[in-house]
Amino acid sequence: MEVAVLTSVEWVLVCKTYDVPQNGGACVKHHDEQIAIYNFSRRGEWYATQNLCPHKQQMVLSRGMIGSTGDTCEPKVACPFHKKTFSLLSGECLSGDDYQIKTYPVQVVGDEVFIGFEK
């Protein structure tokens, strides 16, 4: 598993914490890109990925179910339609298929949620 390291990040305020349901997701638009944001409150963690599921090219990942998998309890999201699962850390497809989703760093400051975009 290879994780990309961002060398220069622009942090963009995308929403407030109360805009994203606990243990669920929401979608925001940044320029022309839809981003899924997940409030994994059971773990006290936040994640962001592309909203597009690469399996059937549908903008649905923000409505997917989040959970954990494996011995390492890796956080994941499952597409709500076809149940393909993706790592919220690396974007790797955990269903054994050759798909990948883009992931973004997230920072929460007070009640504001920021996503990091590569400059």
N, C-alpha and C. Protein backbone atom coordinates (compact mmCIF):
# COMPACT_ATOMS: atom_id res chain seq x y z
N MET A 1 0.85 -1.17 0.00
CA MET A 1 0.00 0.00 0.00
C MET A 1 0.89 1.24 0.00
N GLU A 2 0.71 2.09 -0.98
CA GLU A 2 1.50 3.32 -1.10
C GLU A 2 0.60 4.51 -0.78
N VAL A 3 1.03 5.35 0.12
CA VAL A 3 0.27 6.53 0.51
C VAL A 3 1.01 7.76 0.00
N ALA A 4 0.29 8.62 -0.73
CA ALA A 4 0.90 9.83 -1.25
C ALA A 4 1.11 10.84 -0.13
N VAL A 5 2.22 11.52 -0.17
CA VAL A 5 2.54 12.54 0.83
C VAL A 5 2.42 13.91 0.15
N LEU A 6 1.58 14.76 0.72
CA LEU A 6 1.42 16.10 0.17
C LEU A 6 2.53 16.99 0.70
N THR A 7 3.22 17.67 -0.18
CA THR A 7 4.31 18.52 0.26
C THR A 7 3.84 19.94 0.55
N SER A 8 2.84 20.40 -0.17
CA SER A 8 2.32 21.74 0.05
C SER A 8 0.79 21.67 0.01
N VAL A 9 0.18 21.98 1.14
CA VAL A 9 -1.27 21.81 1.28
C VAL A 9 -1.95 23.15 1.48
N GLU A 10 -3.05 23.36 0.78
CA GLU A 10 -3.92 24.51 1.00
C GLU A 10 -5.13 24.00 1.77
N TRP A 11 -5.33 24.52 2.97
CA TRP A 11 -6.47 24.10 3.79
C TRP A 11 -7.68 24.97 3.46
N VAL A 12 -8.79 24.33 3.11
CA VAL A 12 -10.00 25.03 2.69
C VAL A 12 -11.12 24.69 3.66
N LEU A 13 -11.77 25.73 4.21
CA LEU A 13 -12.94 25.54 5.07
C LEU A 13 -14.09 25.06 4.20
N VAL A 14 -14.64 23.87 4.51
CA VAL A 14 -15.70 23.31 3.65
C VAL A 14 -17.05 23.21 4.34
N CYS A 15 -17.08 23.15 5.67
CA CYS A 15 -18.36 23.07 6.37
C CYS A 15 -18.12 23.21 7.87
N LYS A 16 -19.20 23.13 8.61
CA LYS A 16 -19.16 23.10 10.07
C LYS A 16 -19.35 21.66 10.53
N THR A 17 -18.88 21.33 11.71
CA THR A 17 -18.98 19.96 12.21
C THR A 17 -20.44 19.49 12.27
N TYR A 18 -21.35 20.38 12.60
CA TYR A 18 -22.75 19.99 12.71
C TYR A 18 -23.42 19.77 11.36
N ASP A 19 -22.73 20.05 10.26
CA ASP A 19 -23.27 19.79 8.93
C ASP A 19 -23.11 18.33 8.51
N VAL A 20 -22.27 17.58 9.23
CA VAL A 20 -21.99 16.19 8.89
C VAL A 20 -22.53 15.30 10.01
N PRO A 21 -23.43 14.36 9.70
CA PRO A 21 -24.00 13.53 10.77
C PRO A 21 -22.95 12.66 11.44
N GLN A 22 -23.14 12.41 12.74
CA GLN A 22 -22.24 11.52 13.46
C GLN A 22 -22.30 10.14 12.83
N ASN A 23 -21.12 9.52 12.67
CA ASN A 23 -20.99 8.19 12.08
C ASN A 23 -21.64 8.11 10.70
N GLY A 24 -21.51 9.20 9.97
CA GLY A 24 -22.05 9.26 8.61
C GLY A 24 -21.25 10.23 7.77
N GLY A 25 -21.79 10.54 6.61
CA GLY A 25 -21.09 11.40 5.68
C GLY A 25 -21.96 12.48 5.09
N ALA A 26 -21.32 13.41 4.41
CA ALA A 26 -21.98 14.50 3.69
C ALA A 26 -21.12 14.83 2.49
N CYS A 27 -21.70 15.54 1.55
CA CYS A 27 -20.98 15.90 0.33
C CYS A 27 -20.82 17.41 0.26
N VAL A 28 -19.64 17.86 -0.13
CA VAL A 28 -19.39 19.27 -0.38
C VAL A 28 -18.78 19.38 -1.78
N LYS A 29 -18.91 20.55 -2.36
CA LYS A 29 -18.32 20.78 -3.68
C LYS A 29 -17.20 21.80 -3.54
N HIS A 30 -16.06 21.46 -4.08
CA HIS A 30 -14.92 22.38 -4.12
C HIS A 30 -14.51 22.52 -5.58
N HIS A 31 -14.70 23.71 -6.11
CA HIS A 31 -14.53 23.95 -7.54
C HIS A 31 -15.45 22.98 -8.29
N ASP A 32 -14.92 22.13 -9.14
CA ASP A 32 -15.75 21.19 -9.90
C ASP A 32 -15.76 19.78 -9.30
N GLU A 33 -15.23 19.63 -8.11
CA GLU A 33 -15.07 18.30 -7.53
C GLU A 33 -16.01 18.11 -6.34
N GLN A 34 -16.71 16.97 -6.32
CA GLN A 34 -17.53 16.58 -5.17
C GLN A 34 -16.66 15.78 -4.20
N ILE A 35 -16.67 16.20 -2.94
CA ILE A 35 -15.88 15.56 -1.89
C ILE A 35 -16.82 15.01 -0.83
N ALA A 36 -16.60 13.75 -0.46
CA ALA A 36 -17.35 13.13 0.63
C ALA A 36 -16.57 13.34 1.93
N ILE A 37 -17.26 13.81 2.96
CA ILE A 37 -16.64 14.03 4.27
C ILE A 37 -17.33 13.10 5.25
N TYR A 38 -16.55 12.42 6.07
CA TYR A 38 -17.09 11.44 7.02
C TYR A 38 -16.72 11.84 8.44
N ASN A 39 -17.72 11.84 9.31
CA ASN A 39 -17.55 12.09 10.74
C ASN A 39 -17.64 10.74 11.42
N PHE A 40 -16.51 10.09 11.61
CA PHE A 40 -16.47 8.77 12.24
C PHE A 40 -16.38 8.99 13.74
N SER A 41 -17.49 9.44 14.35
CA SER A 41 -17.48 9.86 15.75
C SER A 41 -17.21 8.71 16.71
N ARG A 42 -17.55 7.47 16.34
CA ARG A 42 -17.23 6.32 17.21
C ARG A 42 -15.73 6.21 17.44
N ARG A 43 -14.95 6.67 16.45
CA ARG A 43 -13.49 6.62 16.56
C ARG A 43 -12.90 7.99 16.88
N GLY A 44 -13.72 9.03 16.85
CA GLY A 44 -13.21 10.39 17.06
C GLY A 44 -12.36 10.87 15.91
N GLU A 45 -12.69 10.42 14.67
CA GLU A 45 -11.87 10.73 13.50
C GLU A 45 -12.73 11.28 12.36
N TRP A 46 -12.08 12.05 11.49
CA TRP A 46 -12.70 12.62 10.30
C TRP A 46 -11.90 12.19 9.08
N TYR A 47 -12.61 11.94 7.96
CA TYR A 47 -11.98 11.54 6.71
C TYR A 47 -12.65 12.26 5.56
N ALA A 48 -11.96 12.30 4.42
CA ALA A 48 -12.53 12.87 3.20
C ALA A 48 -12.02 12.07 2.00
N THR A 49 -12.92 11.83 1.05
CA THR A 49 -12.57 11.12 -0.18
C THR A 49 -13.32 11.77 -1.34
N GLN A 50 -12.98 11.33 -2.53
CA GLN A 50 -13.82 11.72 -3.66
C GLN A 50 -15.21 11.14 -3.41
N ASN A 51 -16.24 11.77 -3.95
CA ASN A 51 -17.60 11.27 -3.78
C ASN A 51 -17.96 10.24 -4.85
N LEU A 52 -17.20 10.21 -5.94
CA LEU A 52 -17.49 9.33 -7.07
C LEU A 52 -17.04 7.90 -6.77
N CYS A 53 -17.99 6.96 -6.83
CA CYS A 53 -17.64 5.55 -6.72
C CYS A 53 -17.14 5.10 -8.09
N PRO A 54 -15.91 4.61 -8.19
CA PRO A 54 -15.35 4.26 -9.49
C PRO A 54 -15.97 3.01 -10.11
N HIS A 55 -16.69 2.23 -9.34
CA HIS A 55 -17.27 0.99 -9.84
C HIS A 55 -18.33 1.26 -10.91
N LYS A 56 -19.31 2.10 -10.60
CA LYS A 56 -20.38 2.41 -11.55
C LYS A 56 -20.45 3.89 -11.89
N GLN A 57 -19.39 4.65 -11.49
CA GLN A 57 -19.30 6.08 -11.81
C GLN A 57 -20.50 6.87 -11.27
N GLN A 58 -20.87 6.61 -10.01
CA GLN A 58 -21.97 7.32 -9.36
C GLN A 58 -21.45 8.16 -8.20
N MET A 59 -22.01 9.35 -8.02
CA MET A 59 -21.64 10.26 -6.93
C MET A 59 -22.42 9.88 -5.66
N VAL A 60 -21.93 8.85 -4.96
CA VAL A 60 -22.71 8.31 -3.85
C VAL A 60 -21.93 7.98 -2.58
N LEU A 61 -20.61 8.07 -2.61
CA LEU A 61 -19.84 7.58 -1.46
C LEU A 61 -20.17 8.30 -0.15
N SER A 62 -20.57 9.56 -0.23
CA SER A 62 -20.90 10.30 1.00
C SER A 62 -22.10 9.67 1.72
N ARG A 63 -22.89 8.88 1.00
CA ARG A 63 -24.05 8.21 1.60
C ARG A 63 -23.75 6.78 2.00
N GLY A 64 -22.48 6.37 1.87
CA GLY A 64 -22.10 5.00 2.19
C GLY A 64 -22.00 4.77 3.69
N MET A 65 -21.95 3.49 4.05
CA MET A 65 -21.82 3.10 5.45
C MET A 65 -20.34 3.05 5.81
N ILE A 66 -19.97 3.64 6.95
CA ILE A 66 -18.59 3.60 7.40
C ILE A 66 -18.44 2.56 8.50
N GLY A 67 -17.25 2.01 8.59
CA GLY A 67 -16.96 0.99 9.59
C GLY A 67 -15.47 0.71 9.61
N SER A 68 -15.11 -0.43 10.18
CA SER A 68 -13.70 -0.84 10.28
C SER A 68 -13.57 -2.27 9.79
N THR A 69 -12.35 -2.60 9.33
CA THR A 69 -12.12 -3.95 8.82
C THR A 69 -10.75 -4.45 9.22
N GLY A 70 -10.62 -5.76 9.29
CA GLY A 70 -9.32 -6.39 9.50
C GLY A 70 -8.79 -6.30 10.91
N ASP A 71 -7.63 -6.92 11.09
CA ASP A 71 -6.97 -6.94 12.40
C ASP A 71 -6.55 -5.54 12.86
N THR A 72 -6.28 -4.66 11.89
CA THR A 72 -5.83 -3.31 12.23
C THR A 72 -7.00 -2.34 12.41
N CYS A 73 -8.22 -2.83 12.23
CA CYS A 73 -9.43 -2.00 12.34
C CYS A 73 -9.35 -0.80 11.40
N GLU A 74 -8.90 -1.04 10.17
CA GLU A 74 -8.77 0.02 9.18
C GLU A 74 -10.14 0.63 8.87
N PRO A 75 -10.26 1.97 8.92
CA PRO A 75 -11.55 2.61 8.62
C PRO A 75 -11.88 2.47 7.13
N LYS A 76 -13.17 2.23 6.85
CA LYS A 76 -13.59 2.01 5.47
C LYS A 76 -14.97 2.62 5.23
N VAL A 77 -15.29 2.77 3.93
CA VAL A 77 -16.62 3.18 3.52
C VAL A 77 -17.09 2.18 2.48
N ALA A 78 -18.38 1.82 2.53
CA ALA A 78 -18.98 0.92 1.56
C ALA A 78 -19.93 1.71 0.67
N CYS A 79 -19.81 1.53 -0.64
CA CYS A 79 -20.73 2.17 -1.58
C CYS A 79 -22.15 1.73 -1.23
N PRO A 80 -23.10 2.67 -1.15
CA PRO A 80 -24.46 2.30 -0.75
C PRO A 80 -25.21 1.44 -1.78
N PHE A 81 -24.73 1.39 -3.02
CA PHE A 81 -25.45 0.63 -4.05
C PHE A 81 -24.88 -0.77 -4.26
N HIS A 82 -23.57 -0.90 -4.43
CA HIS A 82 -23.00 -2.19 -4.80
C HIS A 82 -22.04 -2.74 -3.76
N LYS A 83 -21.92 -2.07 -2.63
CA LYS A 83 -21.18 -2.53 -1.46
C LYS A 83 -19.68 -2.71 -1.67
N LYS A 84 -19.11 -2.11 -2.71
CA LYS A 84 -17.65 -2.10 -2.84
C LYS A 84 -17.12 -1.29 -1.67
N THR A 85 -16.08 -1.77 -0.99
CA THR A 85 -15.54 -1.05 0.17
C THR A 85 -14.17 -0.47 -0.15
N PHE A 86 -13.92 0.70 0.43
CA PHE A 86 -12.69 1.44 0.19
C PHE A 86 -12.09 1.89 1.51
N SER A 87 -10.75 1.83 1.60
CA SER A 87 -10.05 2.33 2.78
C SER A 87 -10.18 3.85 2.83
N LEU A 88 -10.52 4.36 4.01
CA LEU A 88 -10.58 5.81 4.20
C LEU A 88 -9.18 6.39 4.40
N LEU A 89 -8.18 5.55 4.59
CA LEU A 89 -6.80 6.00 4.74
C LEU A 89 -6.09 6.10 3.39
N SER A 90 -6.14 5.02 2.61
CA SER A 90 -5.37 4.96 1.36
C SER A 90 -6.22 5.09 0.10
N GLY A 91 -7.53 4.84 0.21
CA GLY A 91 -8.40 4.85 -0.96
C GLY A 91 -8.45 3.52 -1.69
N GLU A 92 -7.65 2.56 -1.24
CA GLU A 92 -7.59 1.23 -1.88
C GLU A 92 -8.93 0.52 -1.76
N CYS A 93 -9.33 -0.19 -2.83
CA CYS A 93 -10.53 -1.00 -2.78
C CYS A 93 -10.25 -2.24 -1.93
N LEU A 94 -11.09 -2.46 -0.92
CA LEU A 94 -10.89 -3.58 0.00
C LEU A 94 -11.73 -4.79 -0.39
N SER A 95 -12.46 -4.67 -1.51
CA SER A 95 -13.31 -5.75 -1.99
C SER A 95 -12.60 -6.67 -2.97
N GLY A 96 -11.30 -6.45 -3.17
CA GLY A 96 -10.54 -7.29 -4.07
C GLY A 96 -10.58 -6.85 -5.52
N ASP A 97 -11.19 -5.71 -5.79
CA ASP A 97 -11.27 -5.20 -7.16
C ASP A 97 -10.16 -4.18 -7.40
N ASP A 98 -9.90 -3.91 -8.66
CA ASP A 98 -8.83 -2.98 -9.04
C ASP A 98 -9.35 -1.55 -9.15
N TYR A 99 -9.89 -1.02 -8.05
CA TYR A 99 -10.37 0.36 -8.00
C TYR A 99 -9.58 1.11 -6.94
N GLN A 100 -9.58 2.42 -7.06
CA GLN A 100 -8.90 3.29 -6.09
C GLN A 100 -9.70 4.59 -6.02
N ILE A 101 -9.84 5.14 -4.83
CA ILE A 101 -10.46 6.46 -4.69
C ILE A 101 -9.44 7.42 -4.11
N LYS A 102 -9.63 8.69 -4.39
CA LYS A 102 -8.74 9.73 -3.88
C LYS A 102 -9.14 10.07 -2.45
N THR A 103 -8.15 10.24 -1.59
CA THR A 103 -8.40 10.65 -0.20
C THR A 103 -7.77 12.01 0.04
N TYR A 104 -8.29 12.71 1.03
CA TYR A 104 -7.82 14.06 1.37
C TYR A 104 -7.59 14.14 2.87
N PRO A 105 -6.59 14.91 3.31
CA PRO A 105 -6.42 15.15 4.74
C PRO A 105 -7.52 16.07 5.26
N VAL A 106 -7.88 15.86 6.52
CA VAL A 106 -8.94 16.66 7.16
C VAL A 106 -8.41 17.21 8.48
N GLN A 107 -8.77 18.46 8.76
CA GLN A 107 -8.49 19.08 10.06
C GLN A 107 -9.79 19.66 10.58
N VAL A 108 -10.03 19.47 11.87
CA VAL A 108 -11.18 20.08 12.52
C VAL A 108 -10.65 21.05 13.56
N VAL A 109 -11.06 22.30 13.44
CA VAL A 109 -10.65 23.34 14.38
C VAL A 109 -11.93 23.95 14.94
N GLY A 110 -12.15 23.69 16.24
CA GLY A 110 -13.41 24.14 16.83
C GLY A 110 -14.56 23.43 16.16
N ASP A 111 -15.46 24.20 15.54
CA ASP A 111 -16.59 23.58 14.83
C ASP A 111 -16.43 23.71 13.31
N GLU A 112 -15.21 23.99 12.85
CA GLU A 112 -14.96 24.15 11.42
C GLU A 112 -14.16 22.97 10.87
N VAL A 113 -14.58 22.50 9.68
CA VAL A 113 -13.95 21.35 9.04
C VAL A 113 -13.20 21.86 7.81
N PHE A 114 -11.91 21.53 7.74
CA PHE A 114 -11.04 21.93 6.65
C PHE A 114 -10.56 20.68 5.90
N ILE A 115 -10.48 20.79 4.58
CA ILE A 115 -9.90 19.73 3.76
C ILE A 115 -8.64 20.28 3.13
N GLY A 116 -7.61 19.44 3.09
CA GLY A 116 -6.33 19.83 2.51
C GLY A 116 -6.26 19.45 1.03
N PHE A 117 -5.95 20.42 0.20
CA PHE A 117 -5.81 20.21 -1.23
C PHE A 117 -4.36 20.50 -1.62
N GLU A 118 -3.81 19.65 -2.48
CA GLU A 118 -2.44 19.84 -2.93
C GLU A 118 -2.36 21.12 -3.76
N LYS A 119 -1.34 21.95 -3.46
CA LYS A 119 -1.15 23.19 -4.21
C LYS A 119 -0.49 22.92 -5.53
